[in-house]
Amino acid sequence: MTDLAAELLGTWRLVSWSLVYEDGRAPEFPLGEDAVGYLMYTTDGHMSAALARANRPPLDPTSTASKAQAYDAFFGYAGRFEVRGGAVVHRIDFGTNPALSGVNSLRYVELDGDRLVLTGPDFAPGSPRTHRIVWRRA
């Protein structure tokens, strides 16, 4: 295990998740500026990420609209991770969006004490935006 991989191990609490555009327009916050979430890295090379809008209403399982709202207010995936230089690759096995299965998500790592910043390309190839996800050790 590399030094960086060892530093990533454990649980991280979401501070913010934003989409930053190359053209300089204001960033977007897919789940709101007060989104909540956890990112976990394990010693055996597994990872999982779960992010959600804060204060989501209870799900009404009889309502299609309520189910759609719950889906739109949550994002998560799990799989394995590996460190490559100053980046981490999330090898996604499954997630809320089935299209992410089999995707390798590259995130550049900035570590400063108990603060972790992951940045990298959008899941859609050729997208003009970058993800910037800030975490604090839980």
C-alpha atoms as a PDB file:
ATOM      1  CA  MET A   1       0.000   0.000   0.000  1.00  0.00           C
ATOM      2  CA  THR A   2       1.355   3.426  -0.930  1.00  0.00           C
ATOM      3  CA  ASP A   3       1.677   6.251   1.588  1.00  0.00           C
ATOM      4  CA  LEU A   4      -1.193   8.127  -0.119  1.00  0.00           C
ATOM      5  CA  ALA A   5      -3.456   5.067  -0.040  1.00  0.00           C
ATOM      6  CA  ALA A   6      -2.756   4.689   3.684  1.00  0.00           C
ATOM      7  CA  GLU A   7      -3.617   8.357   4.273  1.00  0.00           C
ATOM      8  CA  LEU A   8      -6.975   7.920   2.497  1.00  0.00           C
ATOM      9  CA  LEU A   9      -8.078   4.988   4.671  1.00  0.00           C
ATOM     10  CA  GLY A  10     -11.056   5.576   6.905  1.00  0.00           C
ATOM     11  CA  THR A  11     -14.208   7.641   6.768  1.00  0.00           C
ATOM     12  CA  TRP A  12     -14.597  11.152   5.397  1.00  0.00           C
ATOM     13  CA  ARG A  13     -17.596  13.486   5.859  1.00  0.00           C
ATOM     14  CA  LEU A  14     -18.741  15.666   2.955  1.00  0.00           C
ATOM     15  CA  VAL A  15     -18.067  19.398   3.174  1.00  0.00           C
ATOM     16  CA  SER A  16     -19.146  20.305  -0.370  1.00  0.00           C
ATOM     17  CA  TRP A  17     -19.635  18.868  -3.848  1.00  0.00           C
ATOM     18  CA  SER A  18     -19.530  21.299  -6.735  1.00  0.00           C
ATOM     19  CA  LEU A  19     -19.311  21.190 -10.503  1.00  0.00           C
ATOM     20  CA  VAL A  20     -16.800  23.730 -11.783  1.00  0.00           C
ATOM     21  CA  TYR A  21     -17.065  24.898 -15.405  1.00  0.00           C
ATOM     22  CA  GLU A  22     -14.109  25.602 -17.686  1.00  0.00           C
ATOM     23  CA  ASP A  23     -15.777  28.743 -19.068  1.00  0.00           C
ATOM     24  CA  GLY A  24     -15.802  30.444 -15.667  1.00  0.00           C
ATOM     25  CA  ARG A  25     -19.550  30.343 -14.998  1.00  0.00           C
ATOM     26  CA  ALA A  26     -20.641  29.946 -11.399  1.00  0.00           C
ATOM     27  CA  PRO A  27     -20.243  26.454  -9.942  1.00  0.00           C
ATOM     28  CA  GLU A  28     -23.274  24.226  -9.474  1.00  0.00           C
ATOM     29  CA  PHE A  29     -24.033  22.170  -6.381  1.00  0.00           C
ATOM     30  CA  PRO A  30     -25.842  19.018  -7.590  1.00  0.00           C
ATOM     31  CA  LEU A  31     -27.292  18.225  -4.153  1.00  0.00           C
ATOM     32  CA  GLY A  32     -27.282  21.742  -2.733  1.00  0.00           C
ATOM     33  CA  GLU A  33     -24.636  23.728  -0.914  1.00  0.00           C
ATOM     34  CA  ASP A  34     -25.522  21.933   2.326  1.00  0.00           C
ATOM     35  CA  ALA A  35     -25.375  18.355   0.979  1.00  0.00           C
ATOM     36  CA  VAL A  36     -24.370  15.563   3.367  1.00  0.00           C
ATOM     37  CA  GLY A  37     -22.381  12.428   2.731  1.00  0.00           C
ATOM     38  CA  TYR A  38     -19.645   9.957   3.555  1.00  0.00           C
ATOM     39  CA  LEU A  39     -16.715   8.526   1.650  1.00  0.00           C
ATOM     40  CA  MET A  40     -15.060   5.376   2.985  1.00  0.00           C
ATOM     41  CA  TYR A  41     -11.825   3.657   2.037  1.00  0.00           C
ATOM     42  CA  THR A  42     -11.001   0.250   3.561  1.00  0.00           C
ATOM     43  CA  THR A  43      -7.698  -1.530   4.112  1.00  0.00           C
ATOM     44  CA  ASP A  44      -8.660  -4.274   1.648  1.00  0.00           C
ATOM     45  CA  GLY A  45      -9.078  -1.809  -1.236  1.00  0.00           C
ATOM     46  CA  HIS A  46     -12.821  -1.209  -1.198  1.00  0.00           C
ATOM     47  CA  MET A  47     -14.526   2.164  -1.236  1.00  0.00           C
ATOM     48  CA  SER A  48     -18.017   3.578  -1.094  1.00  0.00           C
ATOM     49  CA  ALA A  49     -19.483   7.050  -1.438  1.00  0.00           C
ATOM     50  CA  ALA A  50     -22.968   8.165  -0.425  1.00  0.00           C
ATOM     51  CA  LEU A  51     -24.141  11.770  -0.877  1.00  0.00           C
ATOM     52  CA  ALA A  52     -27.579  13.293  -0.359  1.00  0.00           C
ATOM     53  CA  ARG A  53     -29.493  16.531  -0.155  1.00  0.00           C
ATOM     54  CA  ALA A  54     -29.810  17.699   3.432  1.00  0.00           C
ATOM     55  CA  ASN A  55     -33.216  17.372   5.111  1.00  0.00           C
ATOM     56  CA  ARG A  56     -34.802  15.080   2.526  1.00  0.00           C
ATOM     57  CA  PRO A  57     -38.519  14.451   3.077  1.00  0.00           C
ATOM     58  CA  PRO A  58     -39.666  10.931   3.970  1.00  0.00           C
ATOM     59  CA  LEU A  59     -40.310   8.650   1.005  1.00  0.00           C
ATOM     60  CA  ASP A  60     -43.907   7.772   0.177  1.00  0.00           C
ATOM     61  CA  PRO A  61     -43.462   4.296  -1.381  1.00  0.00           C
ATOM     62  CA  THR A  62     -46.878   4.559  -3.052  1.00  0.00           C
ATOM     63  CA  SER A  63     -45.941   7.732  -4.960  1.00  0.00           C
ATOM     64  CA  THR A  64     -43.941   7.648  -8.173  1.00  0.00           C
ATOM     65  CA  ALA A  65     -43.181  11.355  -7.753  1.00  0.00           C
ATOM     66  CA  SER A  66     -41.867  10.762  -4.227  1.00  0.00           C
ATOM     67  CA  LYS A  67     -39.637   7.941  -5.483  1.00  0.00           C
ATOM     68  CA  ALA A  68     -38.286  10.146  -8.286  1.00  0.00           C
ATOM     69  CA  GLN A  69     -37.603  12.955  -5.817  1.00  0.00           C
ATOM     70  CA  ALA A  70     -35.730  10.539  -3.519  1.00  0.00           C
ATOM     71  CA  TYR A  71     -33.629   9.290  -6.459  1.00  0.00           C
ATOM     72  CA  ASP A  72     -32.769  12.845  -7.544  1.00  0.00           C
ATOM     73  CA  ALA A  73     -31.725  13.730  -3.993  1.00  0.00           C
ATOM     74  CA  PHE A  74     -29.198  10.910  -3.541  1.00  0.00           C
ATOM     75  CA  PHE A  75     -26.018   9.767  -5.279  1.00  0.00           C
ATOM     76  CA  GLY A  76     -23.883   6.836  -4.343  1.00  0.00           C
ATOM     77  CA  TYR A  77     -21.624   4.108  -5.591  1.00  0.00           C
ATOM     78  CA  ALA A  78     -19.254   1.407  -4.345  1.00  0.00           C
ATOM     79  CA  GLY A  79     -16.356  -0.604  -5.673  1.00  0.00           C
ATOM     80  CA  ARG A  80     -12.602  -0.778  -5.336  1.00  0.00           C
ATOM     81  CA  PHE A  81      -9.960   1.934  -5.321  1.00  0.00           C
ATOM     82  CA  GLU A  82      -6.347   2.237  -6.315  1.00  0.00           C
ATOM     83  CA  VAL A  83      -3.846   5.059  -6.034  1.00  0.00           C
ATOM     84  CA  ARG A  84      -1.908   6.157  -9.110  1.00  0.00           C
ATOM     85  CA  GLY A  85       0.649   8.846  -8.379  1.00  0.00           C
ATOM     86  CA  GLY A  86      -1.239  11.774  -6.860  1.00  0.00           C
ATOM     87  CA  ALA A  87      -4.647  10.479  -7.896  1.00  0.00           C
ATOM     88  CA  VAL A  88      -7.147   7.880  -6.760  1.00  0.00           C
ATOM     89  CA  VAL A  89      -9.175   5.767  -9.171  1.00  0.00           C
ATOM     90  CA  HIS A  90     -12.604   4.581  -8.056  1.00  0.00           C
ATOM     91  CA  ARG A  91     -13.411   1.395  -9.964  1.00  0.00           C
ATOM     92  CA  ILE A  92     -17.196   1.441  -9.684  1.00  0.00           C
ATOM     93  CA  ASP A  93     -19.014  -1.893  -9.319  1.00  0.00           C
ATOM     94  CA  PHE A  94     -22.527  -0.450  -8.828  1.00  0.00           C
ATOM     95  CA  GLY A  95     -24.322   2.749  -7.925  1.00  0.00           C
ATOM     96  CA  THR A  96     -27.602   4.601  -7.961  1.00  0.00           C
ATOM     97  CA  ASN A  97     -27.105   5.110 -11.695  1.00  0.00           C
ATOM     98  CA  PRO A  98     -26.627   1.670 -13.302  1.00  0.00           C
ATOM     99  CA  ALA A  99     -24.640   3.296 -16.134  1.00  0.00           C
ATOM    100  CA  LEU A 100     -21.749   3.855 -13.702  1.00  0.00           C
ATOM    101  CA  SER A 101     -21.116   0.104 -13.303  1.00  0.00           C
ATOM    102  CA  GLY A 102     -17.685  -0.615 -14.739  1.00  0.00           C
ATOM    103  CA  VAL A 103     -16.653   3.058 -14.859  1.00  0.00           C
ATOM    104  CA  ASN A 104     -13.211   4.068 -13.567  1.00  0.00           C
ATOM    105  CA  SER A 105     -13.445   7.520 -12.015  1.00  0.00           C
ATOM    106  CA  LEU A 106     -10.150   9.426 -11.727  1.00  0.00           C
ATOM    107  CA  ARG A 107      -9.860  11.965  -8.924  1.00  0.00           C
ATOM    108  CA  TYR A 108      -6.775  14.062  -8.185  1.00  0.00           C
ATOM    109  CA  VAL A 109      -5.999  14.172  -4.469  1.00  0.00           C
ATOM    110  CA  GLU A 110      -5.127  17.163  -2.292  1.00  0.00           C
ATOM    111  CA  LEU A 111      -4.602  16.266   1.360  1.00  0.00           C
ATOM    112  CA  ASP A 112      -4.075  18.870   4.060  1.00  0.00           C
ATOM    113  CA  GLY A 113      -4.399  17.479   7.569  1.00  0.00           C
ATOM    114  CA  ASP A 114      -7.966  16.296   8.022  1.00  0.00           C
ATOM    115  CA  ARG A 115      -9.119  17.932   4.761  1.00  0.00           C
ATOM    116  CA  LEU A 116      -9.327  15.965   1.493  1.00  0.00           C
ATOM    117  CA  VAL A 117     -10.140  17.544  -1.864  1.00  0.00           C
ATOM    118  CA  LEU A 118     -10.885  15.301  -4.842  1.00  0.00           C
ATOM    119  CA  THR A 119     -11.091  16.859  -8.300  1.00  0.00           C
ATOM    120  CA  GLY A 120     -11.543  15.301 -11.678  1.00  0.00           C
ATOM    121  CA  PRO A 121     -13.469  15.050 -14.899  1.00  0.00           C
ATOM    122  CA  ASP A 122     -17.211  14.621 -15.154  1.00  0.00           C
ATOM    123  CA  PHE A 123     -18.553  11.141 -15.838  1.00  0.00           C
ATOM    124  CA  ALA A 124     -19.701  12.245 -19.317  1.00  0.00           C
ATOM    125  CA  PRO A 125     -16.751  12.287 -21.755  1.00  0.00           C
ATOM    126  CA  GLY A 126     -16.067  15.724 -23.208  1.00  0.00           C
ATOM    127  CA  SER A 127     -18.046  17.527 -20.523  1.00  0.00           C
ATOM    128  CA  PRO A 128     -16.951  21.144 -19.901  1.00  0.00           C
ATOM    129  CA  ARG A 129     -17.099  20.693 -16.138  1.00  0.00           C
ATOM    130  CA  THR A 130     -15.007  19.204 -13.352  1.00  0.00           C
ATOM    131  CA  HIS A 131     -16.076  17.736 -10.028  1.00  0.00           C
ATOM    132  CA  ARG A 132     -14.651  19.295  -6.865  1.00  0.00           C
ATOM    133  CA  ILE A 133     -15.515  17.341  -3.740  1.00  0.00           C
ATOM    134  CA  VAL A 134     -14.273  18.505  -0.366  1.00  0.00           C
ATOM    135  CA  TRP A 135     -14.213  16.109   2.603  1.00  0.00           C
ATOM    136  CA  ARG A 136     -13.184  16.307   6.242  1.00  0.00           C
ATOM    137  CA  ARG A 137     -12.031  13.259   8.196  1.00  0.00           C
ATOM    138  CA  ALA A 138     -14.955  11.959  10.242  1.00  0.00           C
END
